[in-house]
Amino acid sequence: MKNLNERIRILRKQLGMSQEEFASKLEVTKQAISNMENSKSAPSPAVLYKMHKTLDVNLNYIIAGSGDIFTTEKGNKALKASLLKEFEQMLKSRGIE
């Protein structure tokens, strides 16, 4: 089972964000995100709340590892957009547009 720091990293990557972008959305520093992802610190209740409200994250997933990453279709749309962006970049890198 993945632990808290791994789930935070997975969330960030699913959203297609760098640590800097993720930090900006949560109003923390890039170092704070790095520390969370590397088990040097845990997210504060305020950061967890921002994940839920700003990014539509299912706190049960982040805290306990159960359920879907996102709580609503809004979050799933963000994931789909991120995957589409990745796919388009892959095609472009191969000369397909």
PDB file of N, CA and C in Angstrom:
ATOM      1  N   MET A   1       0.843  -1.190   0.000  1.00  0.00           N
ATOM      2  CA  MET A   1       0.000   0.000   0.000  1.00  0.00           C
ATOM      3  C   MET A   1       0.880   1.242   0.000  1.00  0.00           C
ATOM      4  N   LYS A   2       0.507   2.200  -0.818  1.00  0.00           N
ATOM      5  CA  LYS A   2       1.274   3.441  -0.900  1.00  0.00           C
ATOM      6  C   LYS A   2       1.055   4.270   0.360  1.00  0.00           C
ATOM      7  N   ASN A   3       2.112   4.992   0.744  1.00  0.00           N
ATOM      8  CA  ASN A   3       1.972   5.838   1.924  1.00  0.00           C
ATOM      9  C   ASN A   3       1.630   7.270   1.517  1.00  0.00           C
ATOM     10  N   LEU A   4       1.437   8.113   2.497  1.00  0.00           N
ATOM     11  CA  LEU A   4       0.990   9.486   2.278  1.00  0.00           C
ATOM     12  C   LEU A   4       1.876  10.229   1.285  1.00  0.00           C
ATOM     13  N   ASN A   5       3.183  10.154   1.462  1.00  0.00           N
ATOM     14  CA  ASN A   5       4.067  10.909   0.574  1.00  0.00           C
ATOM     15  C   ASN A   5       3.952  10.418  -0.873  1.00  0.00           C
ATOM     16  N   GLU A   6       3.796   9.126  -1.064  1.00  0.00           N
ATOM     17  CA  GLU A   6       3.633   8.591  -2.416  1.00  0.00           C
ATOM     18  C   GLU A   6       2.317   9.039  -3.033  1.00  0.00           C
ATOM     19  N   ARG A   7       1.267   9.088  -2.240  1.00  0.00           N
ATOM     20  CA  ARG A   7      -0.030   9.528  -2.762  1.00  0.00           C
ATOM     21  C   ARG A   7       0.003  11.002  -3.152  1.00  0.00           C
ATOM     22  N   ILE A   8       0.731  11.810  -2.412  1.00  0.00           N
ATOM     23  CA  ILE A   8       0.857  13.234  -2.762  1.00  0.00           C
ATOM     24  C   ILE A   8       1.611  13.367  -4.080  1.00  0.00           C
ATOM     25  N   ARG A   9       2.674  12.614  -4.249  1.00  0.00           N
ATOM     26  CA  ARG A   9       3.447  12.642  -5.496  1.00  0.00           C
ATOM     27  C   ARG A   9       2.569  12.169  -6.666  1.00  0.00           C
ATOM     28  N   ILE A  10       1.820  11.096  -6.453  1.00  0.00           N
ATOM     29  CA  ILE A  10       0.924  10.587  -7.500  1.00  0.00           C
ATOM     30  C   ILE A  10      -0.103  11.649  -7.884  1.00  0.00           C
ATOM     31  N   LEU A  11      -0.694  12.292  -6.888  1.00  0.00           N
ATOM     32  CA  LEU A  11      -1.670  13.345  -7.152  1.00  0.00           C
ATOM     33  C   LEU A  11      -1.057  14.446  -8.012  1.00  0.00           C
ATOM     34  N   ARG A  12       0.100  14.919  -7.610  1.00  0.00           N
ATOM     35  CA  ARG A  12       0.755  16.007  -8.352  1.00  0.00           C
ATOM     36  C   ARG A  12       1.022  15.586  -9.794  1.00  0.00           C
ATOM     37  N   LYS A  13       1.526  14.382  -9.963  1.00  0.00           N
ATOM     38  CA  LYS A  13       1.837  13.908 -11.316  1.00  0.00           C
ATOM     39  C   LYS A  13       0.564  13.664 -12.133  1.00  0.00           C
ATOM     40  N   GLN A  14      -0.486  13.182 -11.499  1.00  0.00           N
ATOM     41  CA  GLN A  14      -1.757  12.985 -12.198  1.00  0.00           C
ATOM     42  C   GLN A  14      -2.292  14.319 -12.715  1.00  0.00           C
ATOM     43  N   LEU A  15      -2.037  15.377 -11.979  1.00  0.00           N
ATOM     44  CA  LEU A  15      -2.473  16.711 -12.390  1.00  0.00           C
ATOM     45  C   LEU A  15      -1.532  17.334 -13.414  1.00  0.00           C
ATOM     46  N   GLY A  16      -0.405  16.665 -13.662  1.00  0.00           N
ATOM     47  CA  GLY A  16       0.554  17.169 -14.643  1.00  0.00           C
ATOM     48  C   GLY A  16       1.264  18.422 -14.186  1.00  0.00           C
ATOM     49  N   MET A  17       1.468  18.552 -12.886  1.00  0.00           N
ATOM     50  CA  MET A  17       2.085  19.755 -12.327  1.00  0.00           C
ATOM     51  C   MET A  17       3.503  19.484 -11.845  1.00  0.00           C
ATOM     52  N   SER A  18       4.331  20.504 -11.976  1.00  0.00           N
ATOM     53  CA  SER A  18       5.648  20.456 -11.356  1.00  0.00           C
ATOM     54  C   SER A  18       5.462  20.716  -9.866  1.00  0.00           C
ATOM     55  N   GLN A  19       6.512  20.511  -9.098  1.00  0.00           N
ATOM     56  CA  GLN A  19       6.425  20.824  -7.669  1.00  0.00           C
ATOM     57  C   GLN A  19       6.135  22.307  -7.475  1.00  0.00           C
ATOM     58  N   GLU A  20       6.702  23.145  -8.330  1.00  0.00           N
ATOM     59  CA  GLU A  20       6.471  24.592  -8.219  1.00  0.00           C
ATOM     60  C   GLU A  20       5.010  24.943  -8.484  1.00  0.00           C
ATOM     61  N   GLU A  21       4.432  24.363  -9.528  1.00  0.00           N
ATOM     62  CA  GLU A  21       3.028  24.636  -9.853  1.00  0.00           C
ATOM     63  C   GLU A  21       2.100  24.143  -8.750  1.00  0.00           C
ATOM     64  N   PHE A  22       2.386  22.943  -8.263  1.00  0.00           N
ATOM     65  CA  PHE A  22       1.587  22.351  -7.196  1.00  0.00           C
ATOM     66  C   PHE A  22       1.672  23.218  -5.941  1.00  0.00           C
ATOM     67  N   ALA A  23       2.875  23.653  -5.608  1.00  0.00           N
ATOM     68  CA  ALA A  23       3.091  24.513  -4.441  1.00  0.00           C
ATOM     69  C   ALA A  23       2.311  25.815  -4.577  1.00  0.00           C
ATOM     70  N   SER A  24       2.330  26.384  -5.772  1.00  0.00           N
ATOM     71  CA  SER A  24       1.620  27.637  -6.009  1.00  0.00           C
ATOM     72  C   SER A  24       0.117  27.467  -5.788  1.00  0.00           C
ATOM     73  N   LYS A  25      -0.450  26.372  -6.288  1.00  0.00           N
ATOM     74  CA  LYS A  25      -1.878  26.106  -6.102  1.00  0.00           C
ATOM     75  C   LYS A  25      -2.234  25.974  -4.626  1.00  0.00           C
ATOM     76  N   LEU A  26      -1.312  25.386  -3.853  1.00  0.00           N
ATOM     77  CA  LEU A  26      -1.583  25.151  -2.432  1.00  0.00           C
ATOM     78  C   LEU A  26      -1.055  26.272  -1.532  1.00  0.00           C
ATOM     79  N   GLU A  27      -0.448  27.278  -2.144  1.00  0.00           N
ATOM     80  CA  GLU A  27       0.096  28.434  -1.421  1.00  0.00           C
ATOM     81  C   GLU A  27       1.138  28.030  -0.383  1.00  0.00           C
ATOM     82  N   VAL A  28       2.034  27.154  -0.809  1.00  0.00           N
ATOM     83  CA  VAL A  28       3.185  26.747   0.006  1.00  0.00           C
ATOM     84  C   VAL A  28       4.419  26.845  -0.876  1.00  0.00           C
ATOM     85  N   THR A  29       5.577  26.569  -0.316  1.00  0.00           N
ATOM     86  CA  THR A  29       6.811  26.621  -1.095  1.00  0.00           C
ATOM     87  C   THR A  29       7.055  25.304  -1.826  1.00  0.00           C
ATOM     88  N   LYS A  30       7.899  25.381  -2.841  1.00  0.00           N
ATOM     89  CA  LYS A  30       8.311  24.168  -3.555  1.00  0.00           C
ATOM     90  C   LYS A  30       9.005  23.219  -2.584  1.00  0.00           C
ATOM     91  N   GLN A  31       9.778  23.770  -1.661  1.00  0.00           N
ATOM     92  CA  GLN A  31      10.479  22.944  -0.671  1.00  0.00           C
ATOM     93  C   GLN A  31       9.484  22.203   0.217  1.00  0.00           C
ATOM     94  N   ALA A  32       8.376  22.840   0.555  1.00  0.00           N
ATOM     95  CA  ALA A  32       7.347  22.173   1.373  1.00  0.00           C
ATOM     96  C   ALA A  32       6.795  20.956   0.633  1.00  0.00           C
ATOM     97  N   ILE A  33       6.559  21.102  -0.668  1.00  0.00           N
ATOM     98  CA  ILE A  33       6.065  19.971  -1.464  1.00  0.00           C
ATOM     99  C   ILE A  33       7.122  18.880  -1.525  1.00  0.00           C
ATOM    100  N   SER A  34       8.353  19.264  -1.755  1.00  0.00           N
ATOM    101  CA  SER A  34       9.450  18.295  -1.786  1.00  0.00           C
ATOM    102  C   SER A  34       9.536  17.536  -0.465  1.00  0.00           C
ATOM    103  N   ASN A  35       9.431  18.257   0.636  1.00  0.00           N
ATOM    104  CA  ASN A  35       9.489  17.616   1.961  1.00  0.00           C
ATOM    105  C   ASN A  35       8.328  16.640   2.168  1.00  0.00           C
ATOM    106  N   MET A  36       7.136  17.016   1.697  1.00  0.00           N
ATOM    107  CA  MET A  36       5.985  16.119   1.825  1.00  0.00           C
ATOM    108  C   MET A  36       6.198  14.862   0.986  1.00  0.00           C
ATOM    109  N   GLU A  37       6.692  15.035  -0.233  1.00  0.00           N
ATOM    110  CA  GLU A  37       6.881  13.892  -1.130  1.00  0.00           C
ATOM    111  C   GLU A  37       8.013  12.977  -0.675  1.00  0.00           C
ATOM    112  N   ASN A  38       8.936  13.506   0.109  1.00  0.00           N
ATOM    113  CA  ASN A  38      10.080  12.719   0.569  1.00  0.00           C
ATOM    114  C   ASN A  38       9.979  12.325   2.035  1.00  0.00           C
ATOM    115  N   SER A  39       8.781  12.373   2.578  1.00  0.00           N
ATOM    116  CA  SER A  39       8.481  11.964   3.964  1.00  0.00           C
ATOM    117  C   SER A  39       9.247  12.745   5.026  1.00  0.00           C
ATOM    118  N   LYS A  40       9.655  13.956   4.701  1.00  0.00           N
ATOM    119  CA  LYS A  40      10.329  14.791   5.696  1.00  0.00           C
ATOM    120  C   LYS A  40       9.327  15.581   6.519  1.00  0.00           C
ATOM    121  N   SER A  41       8.125  15.747   5.958  1.00  0.00           N
ATOM    122  CA  SER A  41       7.052  16.427   6.685  1.00  0.00           C
ATOM    123  C   SER A  41       5.716  15.936   6.152  1.00  0.00           C
ATOM    124  N   ALA A  42       4.685  16.191   6.907  1.00  0.00           N
ATOM    125  CA  ALA A  42       3.324  15.837   6.491  1.00  0.00           C
ATOM    126  C   ALA A  42       2.574  17.120   6.180  1.00  0.00           C
ATOM    127  N   PRO A  43       1.580  17.043   5.314  1.00  0.00           N
ATOM    128  CA  PRO A  43       0.809  18.246   5.034  1.00  0.00           C
ATOM    129  C   PRO A  43       0.002  18.677   6.259  1.00  0.00           C
ATOM    130  N   SER A  44      -0.054  19.958   6.467  1.00  0.00           N
ATOM    131  CA  SER A  44      -0.854  20.491   7.573  1.00  0.00           C
ATOM    132  C   SER A  44      -2.330  20.339   7.237  1.00  0.00           C
ATOM    133  N   PRO A  45      -3.194  20.448   8.243  1.00  0.00           N
ATOM    134  CA  PRO A  45      -4.637  20.427   7.947  1.00  0.00           C
ATOM    135  C   PRO A  45      -5.040  21.509   6.948  1.00  0.00           C
ATOM    136  N   ALA A  46      -4.386  22.667   6.998  1.00  0.00           N
ATOM    137  CA  ALA A  46      -4.705  23.745   6.060  1.00  0.00           C
ATOM    138  C   ALA A  46      -4.352  23.349   4.625  1.00  0.00           C
ATOM    139  N   VAL A  47      -3.225  22.679   4.442  1.00  0.00           N
ATOM    140  CA  VAL A  47      -2.815  22.242   3.106  1.00  0.00           C
ATOM    141  C   VAL A  47      -3.764  21.150   2.604  1.00  0.00           C
ATOM    142  N   LEU A  48      -4.129  20.232   3.476  1.00  0.00           N
ATOM    143  CA  LEU A  48      -5.087  19.192   3.090  1.00  0.00           C
ATOM    144  C   LEU A  48      -6.409  19.820   2.652  1.00  0.00           C
ATOM    145  N   TYR A  49      -6.853  20.816   3.395  1.00  0.00           N
ATOM    146  CA  TYR A  49      -8.095  21.507   3.056  1.00  0.00           C
ATOM    147  C   TYR A  49      -7.983  22.167   1.680  1.00  0.00           C
ATOM    148  N   LYS A  50      -6.844  22.800   1.396  1.00  0.00           N
ATOM    149  CA  LYS A  50      -6.645  23.441   0.095  1.00  0.00           C
ATOM    150  C   LYS A  50      -6.617  22.407  -1.025  1.00  0.00           C
ATOM    151  N   MET A  51      -6.011  21.240  -0.765  1.00  0.00           N
ATOM    152  CA  MET A  51      -6.018  20.169  -1.768  1.00  0.00           C
ATOM    153  C   MET A  51      -7.457  19.808  -2.118  1.00  0.00           C
ATOM    154  N   HIS A  52      -8.268  19.681  -1.082  1.00  0.00           N
ATOM    155  CA  HIS A  52      -9.667  19.303  -1.284  1.00  0.00           C
ATOM    156  C   HIS A  52     -10.435  20.405  -2.015  1.00  0.00           C
ATOM    157  N   LYS A  53     -10.346  21.620  -1.531  1.00  0.00           N
ATOM    158  CA  LYS A  53     -11.138  22.721  -2.085  1.00  0.00           C
ATOM    159  C   LYS A  53     -10.627  23.209  -3.438  1.00  0.00           C
ATOM    160  N   THR A  54      -9.317  23.353  -3.569  1.00  0.00           N
ATOM    161  CA  THR A  54      -8.737  23.926  -4.780  1.00  0.00           C
ATOM    162  C   THR A  54      -8.599  22.911  -5.902  1.00  0.00           C
ATOM    163  N   LEU A  55      -8.201  21.693  -5.548  1.00  0.00           N
ATOM    164  CA  LEU A  55      -7.908  20.681  -6.566  1.00  0.00           C
ATOM    165  C   LEU A  55      -8.946  19.567  -6.633  1.00  0.00           C
ATOM    166  N   ASP A  56      -9.975  19.654  -5.788  1.00  0.00           N
ATOM    167  CA  ASP A  56     -11.059  18.679  -5.786  1.00  0.00           C
ATOM    168  C   ASP A  56     -10.577  17.269  -5.412  1.00  0.00           C
ATOM    169  N   VAL A  57      -9.647  17.221  -4.474  1.00  0.00           N
ATOM    170  CA  VAL A  57      -9.032  15.959  -4.062  1.00  0.00           C
ATOM    171  C   VAL A  57      -9.864  15.283  -2.980  1.00  0.00           C
ATOM    172  N   ASN A  58      -9.999  13.981  -3.098  1.00  0.00           N
ATOM    173  CA  ASN A  58     -10.677  13.165  -2.099  1.00  0.00           C
ATOM    174  C   ASN A  58      -9.710  12.967  -0.922  1.00  0.00           C
ATOM    175  N   LEU A  59     -10.017  13.549   0.213  1.00  0.00           N
ATOM    176  CA  LEU A  59      -9.112  13.444   1.367  1.00  0.00           C
ATOM    177  C   LEU A  59      -8.984  12.013   1.874  1.00  0.00           C
ATOM    178  N   ASN A  60      -9.998  11.184   1.664  1.00  0.00           N
ATOM    179  CA  ASN A  60      -9.870   9.773   2.049  1.00  0.00           C
ATOM    180  C   ASN A  60      -8.741   9.107   1.268  1.00  0.00           C
ATOM    181  N   TYR A  61      -8.595   9.494   0.001  1.00  0.00           N
ATOM    182  CA  TYR A  61      -7.505   8.943  -0.806  1.00  0.00           C
ATOM    183  C   TYR A  61      -6.156   9.415  -0.256  1.00  0.00           C
ATOM    184  N   ILE A  62      -6.023  10.722  -0.046  1.00  0.00           N
ATOM    185  CA  ILE A  62      -4.738  11.266   0.400  1.00  0.00           C
ATOM    186  C   ILE A  62      -4.355  10.724   1.771  1.00  0.00           C
ATOM    187  N   ILE A  63      -5.270  10.760   2.703  1.00  0.00           N
ATOM    188  CA  ILE A  63      -4.950  10.383   4.085  1.00  0.00           C
ATOM    189  C   ILE A  63      -4.871   8.870   4.274  1.00  0.00           C
ATOM    190  N   ALA A  64      -5.852   8.151   3.741  1.00  0.00           N
ATOM    191  CA  ALA A  64      -5.941   6.717   4.032  1.00  0.00           C
ATOM    192  C   ALA A  64      -5.689   5.804   2.836  1.00  0.00           C
ATOM    193  N   GLY A  65      -5.628   6.382   1.643  1.00  0.00           N
ATOM    194  CA  GLY A  65      -5.395   5.559   0.462  1.00  0.00           C
ATOM    195  C   GLY A  65      -6.624   4.836  -0.046  1.00  0.00           C
ATOM    196  N   SER A  66      -7.812   5.296   0.342  1.00  0.00           N
ATOM    197  CA  SER A  66      -9.023   4.620  -0.120  1.00  0.00           C
ATOM    198  C   SER A  66      -9.856   5.545  -0.999  1.00  0.00           C
ATOM    199  N   GLY A  67     -10.481   4.969  -1.989  1.00  0.00           N
ATOM    200  CA  GLY A  67     -11.335   5.737  -2.883  1.00  0.00           C
ATOM    201  C   GLY A  67     -10.584   6.313  -4.060  1.00  0.00           C
ATOM    202  N   ASP A  68     -11.310   7.077  -4.856  1.00  0.00           N
ATOM    203  CA  ASP A  68     -10.734   7.731  -6.027  1.00  0.00           C
ATOM    204  C   ASP A  68      -9.916   8.946  -5.602  1.00  0.00           C
ATOM    205  N   ILE A  69      -9.024   9.370  -6.470  1.00  0.00           N
ATOM    206  CA  ILE A  69      -8.194  10.546  -6.164  1.00  0.00           C
ATOM    207  C   ILE A  69      -9.058  11.797  -6.070  1.00  0.00           C
ATOM    208  N   PHE A  70      -9.997  11.942  -6.998  1.00  0.00           N
ATOM    209  CA  PHE A  70     -10.813  13.149  -7.053  1.00  0.00           C
ATOM    210  C   PHE A  70     -12.230  12.863  -6.575  1.00  0.00           C
ATOM    211  N   THR A  71     -12.891  13.917  -6.098  1.00  0.00           N
ATOM    212  CA  THR A  71     -14.237  13.742  -5.546  1.00  0.00           C
ATOM    213  C   THR A  71     -15.339  13.938  -6.577  1.00  0.00           C
ATOM    214  N   THR A  72     -15.069  14.701  -7.630  1.00  0.00           N
ATOM    215  CA  THR A  72     -16.115  14.980  -8.604  1.00  0.00           C
ATOM    216  C   THR A  72     -15.564  14.948 -10.020  1.00  0.00           C
ATOM    217  N   GLU A  73     -16.453  15.159 -10.944  1.00  0.00           N
ATOM    218  CA  GLU A  73     -16.088  15.195 -12.364  1.00  0.00           C
ATOM    219  C   GLU A  73     -15.094  16.315 -12.650  1.00  0.00           C
ATOM    220  N   LYS A  74     -15.152  17.398 -11.879  1.00  0.00           N
ATOM    221  CA  LYS A  74     -14.223  18.513 -12.075  1.00  0.00           C
ATOM    222  C   LYS A  74     -12.785  18.017 -11.969  1.00  0.00           C
ATOM    223  N   GLY A  75     -12.511  17.236 -10.936  1.00  0.00           N
ATOM    224  CA  GLY A  75     -11.169  16.692 -10.765  1.00  0.00           C
ATOM    225  C   GLY A  75     -10.811  15.718 -11.854  1.00  0.00           C
ATOM    226  N   ASN A  76     -11.769  14.910 -12.271  1.00  0.00           N
ATOM    227  CA  ASN A  76     -11.521  13.959 -13.348  1.00  0.00           C
ATOM    228  C   ASN A  76     -11.248  14.679 -14.660  1.00  0.00           C
ATOM    229  N   LYS A  77     -11.885  15.821 -14.890  1.00  0.00           N
ATOM    230  CA  LYS A  77     -11.614  16.610 -16.093  1.00  0.00           C
ATOM    231  C   LYS A  77     -10.181  17.130 -16.078  1.00  0.00           C
ATOM    232  N   ALA A  78      -9.692  17.538 -14.912  1.00  0.00           N
ATOM    233  CA  ALA A  78      -8.310  18.006 -14.795  1.00  0.00           C
ATOM    234  C   ALA A  78      -7.347  16.876 -15.136  1.00  0.00           C
ATOM    235  N   LEU A  79      -7.647  15.677 -14.676  1.00  0.00           N
ATOM    236  CA  LEU A  79      -6.812  14.525 -14.972  1.00  0.00           C
ATOM    237  C   LEU A  79      -6.829  14.226 -16.464  1.00  0.00           C
ATOM    238  N   LYS A  80      -8.003  14.240 -17.077  1.00  0.00           N
ATOM    239  CA  LYS A  80      -8.104  13.976 -18.514  1.00  0.00           C
ATOM    240  C   LYS A  80      -7.328  15.016 -19.310  1.00  0.00           C
ATOM    241  N   ALA A  81      -7.437  16.280 -18.925  1.00  0.00           N
ATOM    242  CA  ALA A  81      -6.714  17.344 -19.620  1.00  0.00           C
ATOM    243  C   ALA A  81      -5.215  17.135 -19.506  1.00  0.00           C
ATOM    244  N   SER A  82      -4.758  16.723 -18.339  1.00  0.00           N
ATOM    245  CA  SER A  82      -3.337  16.463 -18.123  1.00  0.00           C
ATOM    246  C   SER A  82      -2.857  15.315 -19.006  1.00  0.00           C
ATOM    247  N   LEU A  83      -3.635  14.241 -19.072  1.00  0.00           N
ATOM    248  CA  LEU A  83      -3.259  13.092 -19.895  1.00  0.00           C
ATOM    249  C   LEU A  83      -3.259  13.454 -21.371  1.00  0.00           C
ATOM    250  N   LEU A  84      -4.218  14.242 -21.807  1.00  0.00           N
ATOM    251  CA  LEU A  84      -4.277  14.682 -23.194  1.00  0.00           C
ATOM    252  C   LEU A  84      -3.052  15.531 -23.524  1.00  0.00           C
ATOM    253  N   LYS A  85      -2.682  16.423 -22.634  1.00  0.00           N
ATOM    254  CA  LYS A  85      -1.502  17.270 -22.832  1.00  0.00           C
ATOM    255  C   LYS A  85      -0.247  16.410 -22.970  1.00  0.00           C
ATOM    256  N   GLU A  86      -0.093  15.414 -22.109  1.00  0.00           N
ATOM    257  CA  GLU A  86       1.046  14.499 -22.184  1.00  0.00           C
ATOM    258  C   GLU A  86       1.074  13.765 -23.511  1.00  0.00           C
ATOM    259  N   PHE A  87      -0.082  13.279 -23.956  1.00  0.00           N
ATOM    260  CA  PHE A  87      -0.180  12.543 -25.205  1.00  0.00           C
ATOM    261  C   PHE A  87       0.203  13.441 -26.379  1.00  0.00           C
ATOM    262  N   GLU A  88      -0.292  14.663 -26.381  1.00  0.00           N
ATOM    263  CA  GLU A  88       0.032  15.601 -27.451  1.00  0.00           C
ATOM    264  C   GLU A  88       1.524  15.902 -27.484  1.00  0.00           C
ATOM    265  N   GLN A  89       2.139  16.060 -26.316  1.00  0.00           N
ATOM    266  CA  GLN A  89       3.579  16.308 -26.254  1.00  0.00           C
ATOM    267  C   GLN A  89       4.367  15.112 -26.773  1.00  0.00           C
ATOM    268  N   MET A  90       3.904  13.905 -26.456  1.00  0.00           N
ATOM    269  CA  MET A  90       4.575  12.707 -26.939  1.00  0.00           C
ATOM    270  C   MET A  90       4.508  12.644 -28.466  1.00  0.00           C
ATOM    271  N   LEU A  91       3.324  12.911 -29.030  1.00  0.00           N
ATOM    272  CA  LEU A  91       3.183  12.899 -30.480  1.00  0.00           C
ATOM    273  C   LEU A  91       4.067  13.950 -31.129  1.00  0.00           C
ATOM    274  N   LYS A  92       4.087  15.137 -30.554  1.00  0.00           N
ATOM    275  CA  LYS A  92       4.892  16.228 -31.092  1.00  0.00           C
ATOM    276  C   LYS A  92       6.375  15.871 -31.053  1.00  0.00           C
ATOM    277  N   SER A  93       6.828  15.218 -29.982  1.00  0.00           N
ATOM    278  CA  SER A  93       8.247  14.838 -29.867  1.00  0.00           C
ATOM    279  C   SER A  93       8.624  13.810 -30.932  1.00  0.00           C
ATOM    280  N   ARG A  94       7.625  13.106 -31.467  1.00  0.00           N
ATOM    281  CA  ARG A  94       7.863  12.104 -32.498  1.00  0.00           C
ATOM    282  C   ARG A  94       7.568  12.641 -33.903  1.00  0.00           C
ATOM    283  N   GLY A  95       7.326  13.948 -33.980  1.00  0.00           N
ATOM    284  CA  GLY A  95       7.080  14.568 -35.269  1.00  0.00           C
ATOM    285  C   GLY A  95       5.684  14.368 -35.808  1.00  0.00           C
ATOM    286  N   ILE A  96       4.746  13.995 -34.943  1.00  0.00           N
ATOM    287  CA  ILE A  96       3.354  13.779 -35.369  1.00  0.00           C
ATOM    288  C   ILE A  96       2.509  14.904 -34.784  1.00  0.00           C
ATOM    289  N   GLU A  97       1.834  15.618 -35.673  1.00  0.00           N
ATOM    290  CA  GLU A  97       0.980  16.703 -35.172  1.00  0.00           C
ATOM    291  C   GLU A  97      -0.390  16.653 -35.761  1.00  0.00           C
TER     292      GLU A  97
END
